[in-house]
Protein backbone atom coordinates (compact mmCIF):
# COMPACT_ATOMS: atom_id res chain seq x y z
CA MET A 1 -10.69 -52.18 -15.14
CA ARG A 2 -9.25 -55.18 -16.92
CA PRO A 3 -8.71 -54.93 -20.70
CA ASP A 4 -11.11 -56.92 -22.84
CA PRO A 5 -9.01 -59.49 -24.78
CA ARG A 6 -11.68 -59.48 -27.51
CA HIS A 7 -11.45 -55.72 -28.12
CA PRO A 8 -9.86 -54.90 -31.53
CA ALA A 9 -7.42 -52.41 -29.98
CA PHE A 10 -6.20 -55.04 -27.52
CA ILE A 11 -5.80 -57.59 -30.31
CA ILE A 12 -3.87 -55.15 -32.51
CA PHE A 13 -1.61 -54.07 -29.64
CA SER A 14 -0.93 -57.72 -28.70
CA PHE A 15 -0.14 -58.59 -32.31
CA ILE A 16 2.27 -55.67 -32.66
CA PHE A 17 3.94 -56.52 -29.36
CA ILE A 18 4.39 -60.18 -30.31
CA LEU A 19 5.65 -59.25 -33.78
CA THR A 20 8.16 -56.74 -32.40
CA PHE A 21 9.39 -59.13 -29.74
CA SER A 22 9.72 -61.93 -32.31
CA VAL A 23 11.79 -59.76 -34.65
CA LEU A 24 14.10 -58.59 -31.85
CA PHE A 25 14.49 -62.13 -30.54
CA LYS A 26 15.25 -63.41 -34.05
CA ILE A 27 17.94 -60.75 -34.51
CA TYR A 28 19.43 -61.62 -31.12
CA LEU A 29 19.50 -65.34 -31.89
CA ASN A 30 21.06 -64.84 -35.32
CA SER A 31 23.70 -62.48 -33.97
CA LYS A 32 24.53 -64.87 -31.15
CA SER A 33 24.62 -67.89 -33.49
CA GLU A 34 27.07 -66.18 -35.86
CA TRP A 35 29.23 -65.11 -32.91
CA GLN A 36 29.29 -68.66 -31.53
CA THR A 37 30.18 -70.06 -34.96
CA ALA A 38 33.01 -67.54 -35.24
CA ARG A 39 34.36 -68.48 -31.81
CA THR A 40 34.31 -72.16 -32.79
CA LEU A 41 36.23 -71.39 -35.98
CA VAL A 42 38.81 -69.41 -34.02
CA GLY A 43 39.33 -72.47 -31.83
CA GLN A 44 39.87 -74.52 -35.00
CA ASN A 45 42.36 -71.91 -36.27
CA GLN A 46 40.14 -71.09 -39.25
CA LEU A 47 40.73 -67.42 -38.75
CA GLN A 48 39.58 -65.97 -42.07
CA GLU A 49 36.30 -67.89 -41.91
CA ALA A 50 35.86 -66.70 -38.33
CA VAL A 51 36.10 -63.06 -39.41
CA VAL A 52 33.30 -63.62 -41.93
CA HIS A 53 30.98 -64.93 -39.22
CA PHE A 54 31.96 -62.14 -36.81
CA SER A 55 31.00 -59.73 -39.59
CA ARG A 56 27.64 -61.42 -40.08
CA SER A 57 26.99 -61.17 -36.35
CA ILE A 58 27.66 -57.43 -36.45
CA ARG A 59 25.28 -56.97 -39.37
CA TRP A 60 22.41 -58.41 -37.29
CA PHE A 61 22.34 -55.10 -35.48
CA ILE A 62 19.84 -53.75 -33.00
CA PRO A 63 21.20 -51.44 -30.25
CA GLY A 64 21.50 -53.27 -26.97
CA VAL A 65 20.32 -56.58 -28.44
CA SER A 66 22.89 -58.01 -30.85
CA TYR A 67 26.45 -59.25 -30.23
CA THR A 68 27.98 -56.26 -32.02
CA GLU A 69 30.72 -55.34 -29.54
CA SER A 70 31.72 -58.93 -28.78
CA SER A 71 31.92 -59.75 -32.49
CA ALA A 72 33.88 -56.60 -33.30
CA GLN A 73 36.36 -57.40 -30.54
CA GLY A 74 36.64 -60.97 -31.80
CA ALA A 75 37.31 -59.86 -35.39
CA TRP A 76 39.84 -57.29 -34.20
CA GLU A 77 41.76 -59.89 -32.18
CA VAL A 78 41.78 -62.28 -35.13
CA ALA A 79 43.16 -59.54 -37.38
CA LEU A 80 45.91 -58.83 -34.85
CA ASP A 81 46.77 -62.54 -34.64
CA LEU A 82 47.05 -62.68 -38.43
CA GLU A 83 49.29 -59.63 -38.42
CA ASN A 84 51.50 -60.96 -35.65
CA SER A 85 51.93 -64.26 -37.50
CA GLY A 86 53.13 -62.42 -40.59
CA ARG A 87 49.98 -62.89 -42.66
CA ILE A 88 49.76 -59.21 -43.53
CA GLU A 89 47.41 -59.49 -46.51
CA ASP A 90 45.00 -61.66 -44.53
CA ALA A 91 45.18 -59.22 -41.62
CA LEU A 92 44.46 -56.35 -44.00
CA ALA A 93 41.48 -58.22 -45.44
CA ALA A 94 40.15 -58.91 -41.93
CA GLN A 95 40.40 -55.24 -40.95
CA ARG A 96 38.55 -54.24 -44.11
CA VAL A 97 35.77 -56.74 -43.41
CA LEU A 98 35.38 -55.42 -39.87
CA ARG A 99 35.31 -51.83 -41.12
CA SER A 100 32.72 -52.58 -43.81
CA SER A 101 30.52 -54.37 -41.28
CA PHE A 102 29.89 -51.12 -39.44
CA PHE A 103 29.34 -49.14 -42.62
CA SER A 104 26.64 -51.65 -43.59
CA ILE A 105 24.55 -50.92 -40.47
CA ARG A 106 24.55 -47.14 -40.78
CA GLY A 107 21.26 -45.31 -41.10
CA PHE A 108 20.31 -42.13 -39.29
CA GLY A 109 23.19 -42.79 -36.93
CA SER A 110 26.70 -44.20 -37.33
CA PRO A 111 27.19 -47.04 -34.84
CA GLY A 112 30.70 -48.33 -34.37
CA ARG A 113 32.44 -45.04 -35.12
CA GLU A 114 35.26 -45.94 -32.73
CA TRP A 115 35.77 -49.27 -34.48
CA ILE A 116 35.82 -47.62 -37.90
CA ASN A 117 38.50 -45.19 -36.72
CA ARG A 118 40.59 -48.00 -35.25
CA CYS A 119 40.32 -49.96 -38.48
CA ASN A 120 41.27 -46.88 -40.52
CA GLU A 121 44.44 -46.46 -38.45
CA LYS A 122 45.40 -50.11 -38.73
CA ILE A 123 44.59 -50.41 -42.45
CA ALA A 124 46.58 -47.25 -43.20
CA ALA A 125 49.58 -48.64 -41.28
CA LEU A 126 49.42 -52.07 -42.92
CA MET A 127 49.17 -50.54 -46.38
CA ALA A 128 52.07 -48.18 -45.66
CA GLY A 129 54.16 -51.12 -44.53
CA ARG A 130 53.90 -52.83 -47.89
CA PRO A 131 56.97 -52.69 -50.14
CA ALA A 132 56.98 -49.51 -52.26
CA LEU A 133 56.29 -50.30 -55.91
CA THR A 134 56.95 -46.93 -57.54
CA SER A 135 59.76 -44.44 -57.32
CA ALA A 136 57.36 -41.86 -55.88
CA GLN A 137 56.39 -44.21 -53.06
CA LYS A 138 60.03 -45.08 -52.36
CA GLN A 139 60.79 -41.42 -51.77
CA LYS A 140 58.15 -41.18 -49.04
CA SER A 141 58.57 -42.27 -45.44
CA PHE A 142 56.34 -44.79 -43.72
CA GLU A 143 54.59 -42.00 -41.83
CA GLN A 144 53.93 -40.08 -45.04
CA ARG A 145 52.43 -43.11 -46.75
CA LYS A 146 50.35 -43.91 -43.69
CA ALA A 147 49.03 -40.34 -43.48
CA GLU A 148 48.03 -40.43 -47.16
CA ASN A 149 46.24 -43.76 -46.73
CA LEU A 150 44.48 -42.55 -43.60
CA GLU A 151 43.31 -39.40 -45.37
CA LEU A 152 41.79 -41.49 -48.16
CA LEU A 153 40.11 -43.88 -45.72
CA SER A 154 38.62 -40.96 -43.81
CA ARG A 155 36.79 -39.72 -46.91
CA GLU A 156 33.42 -41.28 -46.21
CA ARG A 157 30.21 -40.91 -48.10
CA ALA A 158 27.61 -40.18 -45.46
CA PRO A 159 24.43 -42.26 -45.63
CA SER A 160 21.62 -40.58 -47.53
CA ARG A 161 19.18 -39.29 -44.94
CA PRO A 162 16.27 -39.08 -47.41
CA TRP A 163 16.76 -42.71 -48.43
CA ALA A 164 17.24 -43.74 -44.80
CA PHE A 165 13.97 -42.00 -43.96
CA ALA A 166 12.27 -43.68 -46.94
CA SER A 167 13.55 -47.06 -45.76
CA GLU A 168 12.25 -46.49 -42.24
CA MET A 169 8.86 -45.31 -43.48
CA GLY A 170 8.66 -48.19 -45.94
CA PHE A 171 9.37 -50.69 -43.17
CA LEU A 172 6.69 -49.23 -40.90
CA GLY A 173 4.31 -48.90 -43.84
CA TRP A 174 4.35 -52.52 -44.97
CA ILE A 175 3.93 -53.71 -41.40
CA ALA A 176 0.96 -51.36 -40.92
CA CYS A 177 -0.61 -52.46 -44.21
CA GLY A 178 -0.14 -56.10 -43.27
CA LEU A 179 -1.94 -55.52 -39.99
CA ALA A 180 -4.68 -53.55 -41.73
CA PHE A 181 -5.15 -56.38 -44.23
CA ILE A 182 -5.65 -58.83 -41.37
CA PHE A 183 -8.10 -56.67 -39.42
CA LYS A 184 -9.82 -54.76 -42.24
CA GLY A 185 -9.53 -57.06 -45.24
CA ILE A 186 -10.81 -60.14 -43.48
CA SER A 187 -14.17 -60.27 -41.71
CA PRO A 188 -14.56 -61.76 -38.21
CA SER A 189 -16.08 -64.83 -39.86
CA GLY A 190 -12.98 -65.29 -42.03
CA GLU A 191 -14.41 -64.00 -45.32
CA LEU A 192 -12.27 -61.83 -47.60
CA ARG A 193 -13.47 -58.25 -48.01
CA THR A 194 -12.45 -57.66 -51.62
CA ARG A 195 -12.06 -53.88 -51.81
CA PRO A 196 -10.24 -53.22 -48.53
CA ALA A 197 -8.17 -56.38 -49.00
CA ALA A 198 -7.06 -55.18 -52.45
CA ALA A 199 -6.31 -51.68 -51.15
CA TRP A 200 -4.21 -52.85 -48.21
CA SER A 201 -2.45 -55.47 -50.35
CA GLY A 202 -1.48 -52.72 -52.79
CA GLY A 203 -0.24 -50.59 -49.92
CA PHE A 204 1.79 -53.51 -48.60
CA ILE A 205 3.49 -54.04 -51.98
CA PHE A 206 4.15 -50.31 -52.41
CA PHE A 207 5.73 -49.80 -48.97
CA TYR A 208 7.68 -53.05 -49.23
CA CYS A 209 9.23 -51.79 -52.49
CA VAL A 210 9.98 -48.43 -50.87
CA TRP A 211 11.72 -50.25 -48.01
CA LEU A 212 13.88 -52.31 -50.37
CA VAL A 213 14.81 -49.36 -52.60
CA GLY A 214 15.69 -47.32 -49.51
CA LEU A 215 17.98 -50.07 -48.21
CA PHE A 216 19.83 -50.31 -51.53
CA ASN A 217 20.36 -46.54 -51.76
CA VAL A 218 21.03 -45.55 -48.19
């Protein structure tokens, strides 16, 4: 039996499918665009600017969709090039940007854990290699200073699971309310149904605020 394209359930399912596909495709395109821009900047030897765009590509994160690994590898290689050319402070800044990129996409999980650990090791080593400024630092070996830096970098504040959950629920909520407004707040003839439209609009605003607050506190 073929589905009736005029049935409300079929229309809602089709709308959700198209919306989901559009969002995923948008994330993919943005991640790819930032990666391509970064690669172009690398070719122009604008290495610091390239790291910024690699970072933006990572932040457009959806598992299996975005250019996360390619961008992380690109930023890592740029940081190594900066280090090898003697631009230690720039290399340190690049490693920190790469590290923060993965912290920014944490939620219920922690993607990029391997990259964070690699950055921690490199940042600790670069900081330990700086000239000692105090008598206490001068009395410590490179390995001691590196171990202290690594211990500090490893102290991570885990993402708040309640706020992550609130963000996820808020995201799903405002999408659901938007769909309900379309199918319940507007009649088939295109007339606005005042009471349900007001109710679903209020729900949309509420869940949208929950989503934003969750993102800022996660």
